[in-house]
Amino acid sequence: MSSISQIITPHIKDLGGFTARRSLPHDDRMMVGPFIFFDHLGPAIFPPGKGVDVRPHPHINLATVTYSGSQLGAI
């Protein structure tokens, strides 16, 4: 018996310079919550003084947790 109950294909979005693959939230897994996101970003290399032009976001005071690539094996 497998412990994997579902495989989710992420939505891919070009953010101008790198791509984001968002697995959650997903139409097939809605019970996670409206502010739970699981994204895979990059890889991206930005020269000094350059970056991504991110639009202003209406939500403030959100707490984020970021895992680097070296930590992904532990998830």
PDB file of N, CA and C in Angstrom:
ATOM      1  N   MET A   1       0.844  -1.177   0.000  1.00  0.00           N
ATOM      2  CA  MET A   1       0.000   0.000   0.000  1.00  0.00           C
ATOM      3  C   MET A   1       0.893   1.246   0.000  1.00  0.00           C
ATOM      4  N   SER A   2       0.570   2.207  -0.845  1.00  0.00           N
ATOM      5  CA  SER A   2       1.335   3.439  -0.945  1.00  0.00           C
ATOM      6  C   SER A   2       0.792   4.488   0.019  1.00  0.00           C
ATOM      7  N   SER A   3       1.693   5.295   0.587  1.00  0.00           N
ATOM      8  CA  SER A   3       1.254   6.378   1.465  1.00  0.00           C
ATOM      9  C   SER A   3       0.986   7.669   0.679  1.00  0.00           C
ATOM     10  N   ILE A   4       1.193   7.645  -0.622  1.00  0.00           N
ATOM     11  CA  ILE A   4       0.900   8.803  -1.464  1.00  0.00           C
ATOM     12  C   ILE A   4      -0.567   8.750  -1.859  1.00  0.00           C
ATOM     13  N   SER A   5      -1.330   9.772  -1.448  1.00  0.00           N
ATOM     14  CA  SER A   5      -2.760   9.774  -1.750  1.00  0.00           C
ATOM     15  C   SER A   5      -3.108  10.604  -2.983  1.00  0.00           C
ATOM     16  N   GLN A   6      -2.223  11.531  -3.377  1.00  0.00           N
ATOM     17  CA  GLN A   6      -2.530  12.379  -4.515  1.00  0.00           C
ATOM     18  C   GLN A   6      -1.242  13.004  -5.048  1.00  0.00           C
ATOM     19  N   ILE A   7      -1.149  13.125  -6.356  1.00  0.00           N
ATOM     20  CA  ILE A   7      -0.048  13.838  -6.994  1.00  0.00           C
ATOM     21  C   ILE A   7      -0.631  15.092  -7.627  1.00  0.00           C
ATOM     22  N   ILE A   8      -0.091  16.244  -7.258  1.00  0.00           N
ATOM     23  CA  ILE A   8      -0.595  17.526  -7.739  1.00  0.00           C
ATOM     24  C   ILE A   8       0.394  18.105  -8.740  1.00  0.00           C
ATOM     25  N   THR A   9      -0.097  18.472  -9.905  1.00  0.00           N
ATOM     26  CA  THR A   9       0.730  19.135 -10.909  1.00  0.00           C
ATOM     27  C   THR A   9       0.634  20.635 -10.670  1.00  0.00           C
ATOM     28  N   PRO A  10       1.765  21.301 -10.431  1.00  0.00           N
ATOM     29  CA  PRO A  10       1.710  22.731 -10.105  1.00  0.00           C
ATOM     30  C   PRO A  10       1.335  23.593 -11.297  1.00  0.00           C
ATOM     31  N   HIS A  11       0.755  24.750 -10.987  1.00  0.00           N
ATOM     32  CA  HIS A  11       0.501  25.780 -11.991  1.00  0.00           C
ATOM     33  C   HIS A  11       1.817  26.518 -12.195  1.00  0.00           C
ATOM     34  N   ILE A  12       2.190  26.802 -13.441  1.00  0.00           N
ATOM     35  CA  ILE A  12       3.454  27.470 -13.736  1.00  0.00           C
ATOM     36  C   ILE A  12       3.168  28.895 -14.190  1.00  0.00           C
ATOM     37  N   LYS A  13       3.894  29.848 -13.584  1.00  0.00           N
ATOM     38  CA  LYS A  13       3.699  31.254 -13.908  1.00  0.00           C
ATOM     39  C   LYS A  13       5.047  31.918 -14.143  1.00  0.00           C
ATOM     40  N   ASP A  14       5.147  32.662 -15.228  1.00  0.00           N
ATOM     41  CA  ASP A  14       6.356  33.430 -15.527  1.00  0.00           C
ATOM     42  C   ASP A  14       6.272  34.748 -14.774  1.00  0.00           C
ATOM     43  N   LEU A  15       7.246  35.009 -13.926  1.00  0.00           N
ATOM     44  CA  LEU A  15       7.254  36.229 -13.126  1.00  0.00           C
ATOM     45  C   LEU A  15       8.265  37.245 -13.645  1.00  0.00           C
ATOM     46  N   GLY A  16       8.661  37.107 -14.888  1.00  0.00           N
ATOM     47  CA  GLY A  16       9.596  38.046 -15.476  1.00  0.00           C
ATOM     48  C   GLY A  16      11.008  37.839 -14.982  1.00  0.00           C
ATOM     49  N   GLY A  17      11.678  36.857 -15.502  1.00  0.00           N
ATOM     50  CA  GLY A  17      13.044  36.574 -15.080  1.00  0.00           C
ATOM     51  C   GLY A  17      13.187  35.226 -14.416  1.00  0.00           C
ATOM     52  N   PHE A  18      12.116  34.695 -13.890  1.00  0.00           N
ATOM     53  CA  PHE A  18      12.121  33.348 -13.338  1.00  0.00           C
ATOM     54  C   PHE A  18      10.690  32.822 -13.300  1.00  0.00           C
ATOM     55  N   THR A  19      10.564  31.526 -13.095  1.00  0.00           N
ATOM     56  CA  THR A  19       9.235  30.924 -13.046  1.00  0.00           C
ATOM     57  C   THR A  19       8.893  30.504 -11.629  1.00  0.00           C
ATOM     58  N   ALA A  20       7.613  30.495 -11.351  1.00  0.00           N
ATOM     59  CA  ALA A  20       7.094  29.995 -10.082  1.00  0.00           C
ATOM     60  C   ALA A  20       6.177  28.832 -10.386  1.00  0.00           C
ATOM     61  N   ARG A  21       6.372  27.755  -9.666  1.00  0.00           N
ATOM     62  CA  ARG A  21       5.500  26.589  -9.782  1.00  0.00           C
ATOM     63  C   ARG A  21       4.732  26.470  -8.473  1.00  0.00           C
ATOM     64  N   ARG A  22       3.420  26.745  -8.511  1.00  0.00           N
ATOM     65  CA  ARG A  22       2.595  26.741  -7.307  1.00  0.00           C
ATOM     66  C   ARG A  22       1.798  25.447  -7.241  1.00  0.00           C
ATOM     67  N   SER A  23       2.086  24.660  -6.205  1.00  0.00           N
ATOM     68  CA  SER A  23       1.363  23.408  -5.981  1.00  0.00           C
ATOM     69  C   SER A  23       0.133  23.619  -5.111  1.00  0.00           C
ATOM     70  N   LEU A  24       0.229  24.496  -4.130  1.00  0.00           N
ATOM     71  CA  LEU A  24      -0.898  24.790  -3.245  1.00  0.00           C
ATOM     72  C   LEU A  24      -1.077  26.291  -3.157  1.00  0.00           C
ATOM     73  N   PRO A  25      -2.292  26.789  -3.120  1.00  0.00           N
ATOM     74  CA  PRO A  25      -3.540  26.044  -3.187  1.00  0.00           C
ATOM     75  C   PRO A  25      -3.775  25.483  -4.587  1.00  0.00           C
ATOM     76  N   HIS A  26      -4.602  24.458  -4.634  1.00  0.00           N
ATOM     77  CA  HIS A  26      -4.902  23.759  -5.879  1.00  0.00           C
ATOM     78  C   HIS A  26      -6.378  23.389  -5.870  1.00  0.00           C
ATOM     79  N   ASP A  27      -6.989  23.366  -7.039  1.00  0.00           N
ATOM     80  CA  ASP A  27      -8.414  23.039  -7.133  1.00  0.00           C
ATOM     81  C   ASP A  27      -8.742  21.683  -6.518  1.00  0.00           C
ATOM     82  N   ASP A  28      -7.796  20.748  -6.574  1.00  0.00           N
ATOM     83  CA  ASP A  28      -8.041  19.403  -6.050  1.00  0.00           C
ATOM     84  C   ASP A  28      -7.663  19.259  -4.578  1.00  0.00           C
ATOM     85  N   ARG A  29      -7.162  20.320  -3.960  1.00  0.00           N
ATOM     86  CA  ARG A  29      -6.751  20.235  -2.556  1.00  0.00           C
ATOM     87  C   ARG A  29      -7.083  21.565  -1.880  1.00  0.00           C
ATOM     88  N   MET A  30      -8.372  21.830  -1.703  1.00  0.00           N
ATOM     89  CA  MET A  30      -8.828  23.122  -1.207  1.00  0.00           C
ATOM     90  C   MET A  30      -8.838  23.230   0.319  1.00  0.00           C
ATOM     91  N   MET A  31      -8.761  22.144   1.030  1.00  0.00           N
ATOM     92  CA  MET A  31      -8.876  22.178   2.490  1.00  0.00           C
ATOM     93  C   MET A  31      -7.595  22.624   3.183  1.00  0.00           C
ATOM     94  N   VAL A  32      -6.644  23.125   2.439  1.00  0.00           N
ATOM     95  CA  VAL A  32      -5.373  23.545   3.029  1.00  0.00           C
ATOM     96  C   VAL A  32      -5.510  24.893   3.705  1.00  0.00           C
ATOM     97  N   GLY A  33      -6.320  25.758   3.189  1.00  0.00           N
ATOM     98  CA  GLY A  33      -6.497  27.095   3.745  1.00  0.00           C
ATOM     99  C   GLY A  33      -6.173  28.148   2.711  1.00  0.00           C
ATOM    100  N   PRO A  34      -6.789  29.326   2.809  1.00  0.00           N
ATOM    101  CA  PRO A  34      -6.618  30.342   1.782  1.00  0.00           C
ATOM    102  C   PRO A  34      -5.241  31.008   1.775  1.00  0.00           C
ATOM    103  N   PHE A  35      -4.487  30.904   2.862  1.00  0.00           N
ATOM    104  CA  PHE A  35      -3.196  31.578   2.922  1.00  0.00           C
ATOM    105  C   PHE A  35      -2.039  30.606   3.073  1.00  0.00           C
ATOM    106  N   ILE A  36      -2.226  29.368   2.633  1.00  0.00           N
ATOM    107  CA  ILE A  36      -1.157  28.373   2.619  1.00  0.00           C
ATOM    108  C   ILE A  36      -0.723  28.216   1.170  1.00  0.00           C
ATOM    109  N   PHE A  37       0.542  28.511   0.904  1.00  0.00           N
ATOM    110  CA  PHE A  37       1.083  28.401  -0.444  1.00  0.00           C
ATOM    111  C   PHE A  37       2.299  27.498  -0.410  1.00  0.00           C
ATOM    112  N   PHE A  38       2.431  26.664  -1.424  1.00  0.00           N
ATOM    113  CA  PHE A  38       3.627  25.849  -1.584  1.00  0.00           C
ATOM    114  C   PHE A  38       4.137  26.112  -2.988  1.00  0.00           C
ATOM    115  N   ASP A  39       5.198  26.917  -3.072  1.00  0.00           N
ATOM    116  CA  ASP A  39       5.748  27.353  -4.346  1.00  0.00           C
ATOM    117  C   ASP A  39       7.164  26.834  -4.519  1.00  0.00           C
ATOM    118  N   HIS A  40       7.524  26.580  -5.759  1.00  0.00           N
ATOM    119  CA  HIS A  40       8.909  26.275  -6.114  1.00  0.00           C
ATOM    120  C   HIS A  40       9.356  27.397  -7.041  1.00  0.00           C
ATOM    121  N   LEU A  41      10.364  28.165  -6.621  1.00  0.00           N
ATOM    122  CA  LEU A  41      10.815  29.323  -7.380  1.00  0.00           C
ATOM    123  C   LEU A  41      12.210  29.093  -7.911  1.00  0.00           C
ATOM    124  N   GLY A  42      12.475  29.663  -9.082  1.00  0.00           N
ATOM    125  CA  GLY A  42      13.828  29.659  -9.630  1.00  0.00           C
ATOM    126  C   GLY A  42      14.130  28.416 -10.438  1.00  0.00           C
ATOM    127  N   PRO A  43      15.377  28.197 -10.733  1.00  0.00           N
ATOM    128  CA  PRO A  43      16.504  29.021 -10.301  1.00  0.00           C
ATOM    129  C   PRO A  43      16.544  30.339 -11.054  1.00  0.00           C
ATOM    130  N   ALA A  44      17.139  31.345 -10.430  1.00  0.00           N
ATOM    131  CA  ALA A  44      17.262  32.656 -11.052  1.00  0.00           C
ATOM    132  C   ALA A  44      18.535  33.322 -10.564  1.00  0.00           C
ATOM    133  N   ILE A  45      19.178  34.037 -11.452  1.00  0.00           N
ATOM    134  CA  ILE A  45      20.352  34.813 -11.103  1.00  0.00           C
ATOM    135  C   ILE A  45      20.070  36.254 -11.508  1.00  0.00           C
ATOM    136  N   PHE A  46      20.146  37.151 -10.556  1.00  0.00           N
ATOM    137  CA  PHE A  46      19.897  38.559 -10.819  1.00  0.00           C
ATOM    138  C   PHE A  46      21.183  39.339 -10.622  1.00  0.00           C
ATOM    139  N   PRO A  47      21.522  40.193 -11.576  1.00  0.00           N
ATOM    140  CA  PRO A  47      22.715  41.019 -11.407  1.00  0.00           C
ATOM    141  C   PRO A  47      22.508  42.023 -10.275  1.00  0.00           C
ATOM    142  N   PRO A  48      23.588  42.545  -9.708  1.00  0.00           N
ATOM    143  CA  PRO A  48      23.455  43.545  -8.626  1.00  0.00           C
ATOM    144  C   PRO A  48      22.565  44.708  -9.048  1.00  0.00           C
ATOM    145  N   GLY A  49      21.656  45.079  -8.173  1.00  0.00           N
ATOM    146  CA  GLY A  49      20.755  46.189  -8.450  1.00  0.00           C
ATOM    147  C   GLY A  49      19.539  45.828  -9.272  1.00  0.00           C
ATOM    148  N   LYS A  50      19.435  44.577  -9.691  1.00  0.00           N
ATOM    149  CA  LYS A  50      18.284  44.125 -10.486  1.00  0.00           C
ATOM    150  C   LYS A  50      17.501  43.093  -9.686  1.00  0.00           C
ATOM    151  N   GLY A  51      16.280  42.900 -10.061  1.00  0.00           N
ATOM    152  CA  GLY A  51      15.440  41.920  -9.388  1.00  0.00           C
ATOM    153  C   GLY A  51      14.128  41.781 -10.123  1.00  0.00           C
ATOM    154  N   VAL A  52      13.108  41.414  -9.403  1.00  0.00           N
ATOM    155  CA  VAL A  52      11.790  41.215  -9.990  1.00  0.00           C
ATOM    156  C   VAL A  52      10.896  42.364  -9.549  1.00  0.00           C
ATOM    157  N   ASP A  53      10.152  42.912 -10.476  1.00  0.00           N
ATOM    158  CA  ASP A  53       9.211  43.981 -10.164  1.00  0.00           C
ATOM    159  C   ASP A  53       7.915  43.338  -9.675  1.00  0.00           C
ATOM    160  N   VAL A  54       7.758  43.257  -8.372  1.00  0.00           N
ATOM    161  CA  VAL A  54       6.594  42.614  -7.762  1.00  0.00           C
ATOM    162  C   VAL A  54       5.546  43.672  -7.468  1.00  0.00           C
ATOM    163  N   ARG A  55       4.335  43.386  -7.881  1.00  0.00           N
ATOM    164  CA  ARG A  55       3.227  44.317  -7.629  1.00  0.00           C
ATOM    165  C   ARG A  55       2.974  44.474  -6.137  1.00  0.00           C
ATOM    166  N   PRO A  56       2.435  45.609  -5.703  1.00  0.00           N
ATOM    167  CA  PRO A  56       2.030  45.749  -4.299  1.00  0.00           C
ATOM    168  C   PRO A  56       0.986  44.690  -3.959  1.00  0.00           C
ATOM    169  N   HIS A  57       1.041  44.189  -2.761  1.00  0.00           N
ATOM    170  CA  HIS A  57       0.140  43.121  -2.338  1.00  0.00           C
ATOM    171  C   HIS A  57      -0.784  43.651  -1.249  1.00  0.00           C
ATOM    172  N   PRO A  58      -2.082  43.340  -1.323  1.00  0.00           N
ATOM    173  CA  PRO A  58      -3.025  43.906  -0.358  1.00  0.00           C
ATOM    174  C   PRO A  58      -2.914  43.322   1.051  1.00  0.00           C
ATOM    175  N   HIS A  59      -2.323  42.152   1.196  1.00  0.00           N
ATOM    176  CA  HIS A  59      -2.237  41.531   2.515  1.00  0.00           C
ATOM    177  C   HIS A  59      -0.941  41.955   3.186  1.00  0.00           C
ATOM    178  N   ILE A  60      -1.048  42.376   4.425  1.00  0.00           N
ATOM    179  CA  ILE A  60       0.145  42.746   5.177  1.00  0.00           C
ATOM    180  C   ILE A  60       0.234  41.873   6.420  1.00  0.00           C
ATOM    181  N   ASN A  61       1.397  41.852   7.015  1.00  0.00           N
ATOM    182  CA  ASN A  61       1.642  41.101   8.246  1.00  0.00           C
ATOM    183  C   ASN A  61       1.473  39.593   8.062  1.00  0.00           C
ATOM    184  N   LEU A  62       1.798  39.097   6.872  1.00  0.00           N
ATOM    185  CA  LEU A  62       1.788  37.655   6.657  1.00  0.00           C
ATOM    186  C   LEU A  62       3.131  37.085   7.070  1.00  0.00           C
ATOM    187  N   ALA A  63       3.134  35.955   7.731  1.00  0.00           N
ATOM    188  CA  ALA A  63       4.371  35.280   8.096  1.00  0.00           C
ATOM    189  C   ALA A  63       4.719  34.280   7.001  1.00  0.00           C
ATOM    190  N   THR A  64       5.974  34.234   6.622  1.00  0.00           N
ATOM    191  CA  THR A  64       6.396  33.294   5.589  1.00  0.00           C
ATOM    192  C   THR A  64       7.462  32.364   6.133  1.00  0.00           C
ATOM    193  N   VAL A  65       7.512  31.182   5.560  1.00  0.00           N
ATOM    194  CA  VAL A  65       8.552  30.205   5.852  1.00  0.00           C
ATOM    195  C   VAL A  65       9.162  29.834   4.517  1.00  0.00           C
ATOM    196  N   THR A  66      10.477  29.886   4.427  1.00  0.00           N
ATOM    197  CA  THR A  66      11.168  29.577   3.185  1.00  0.00           C
ATOM    198  C   THR A  66      12.157  28.454   3.430  1.00  0.00           C
ATOM    199  N   TYR A  67      12.130  27.443   2.564  1.00  0.00           N
ATOM    200  CA  TYR A  67      13.086  26.345   2.611  1.00  0.00           C
ATOM    201  C   TYR A  67      14.026  26.508   1.429  1.00  0.00           C
ATOM    202  N   SER A  68      15.307  26.412   1.674  1.00  0.00           N
ATOM    203  CA  SER A  68      16.244  26.472   0.551  1.00  0.00           C
ATOM    204  C   SER A  68      16.350  25.097  -0.088  1.00  0.00           C
ATOM    205  N   GLY A  69      16.942  25.041  -1.271  1.00  0.00           N
ATOM    206  CA  GLY A  69      17.076  23.784  -1.988  1.00  0.00           C
ATOM    207  C   GLY A  69      17.749  22.695  -1.177  1.00  0.00           C
ATOM    208  N   SER A  70      18.706  23.048  -0.340  1.00  0.00           N
ATOM    209  CA  SER A  70      19.406  22.039   0.452  1.00  0.00           C
ATOM    210  C   SER A  70      18.525  21.449   1.539  1.00  0.00           C
ATOM    211  N   GLN A  71      17.435  22.090   1.869  1.00  0.00           N
ATOM    212  CA  GLN A  71      16.537  21.600   2.918  1.00  0.00           C
ATOM    213  C   GLN A  71      15.368  20.807   2.372  1.00  0.00           C
ATOM    214  N   LEU A  72      15.181  20.769   1.065  1.00  0.00           N
ATOM    215  CA  LEU A  72      14.013  20.133   0.498  1.00  0.00           C
ATOM    216  C   LEU A  72      13.942  18.633   0.741  1.00  0.00           C
ATOM    217  N   GLY A  73      15.075  17.999   0.891  1.00  0.00           N
ATOM    218  CA  GLY A  73      15.063  16.562   1.137  1.00  0.00           C
ATOM    219  C   GLY A  73      14.425  16.193   2.463  1.00  0.00           C
ATOM    220  N   ALA A  74      14.354  17.140   3.388  1.00  0.00           N
ATOM    221  CA  ALA A  74      13.786  16.881   4.705  1.00  0.00           C
ATOM    222  C   ALA A  74      12.285  17.058   4.744  1.00  0.00           C
ATOM    223  N   ILE A  75      11.700  17.598   3.679  1.00  0.00           N
ATOM    224  CA  ILE A  75      10.249  17.850   3.679  1.00  0.00           C
ATOM    225  C   ILE A  75       9.502  16.578   3.345  1.00  0.00           C
TER     226      ILE A  75
END
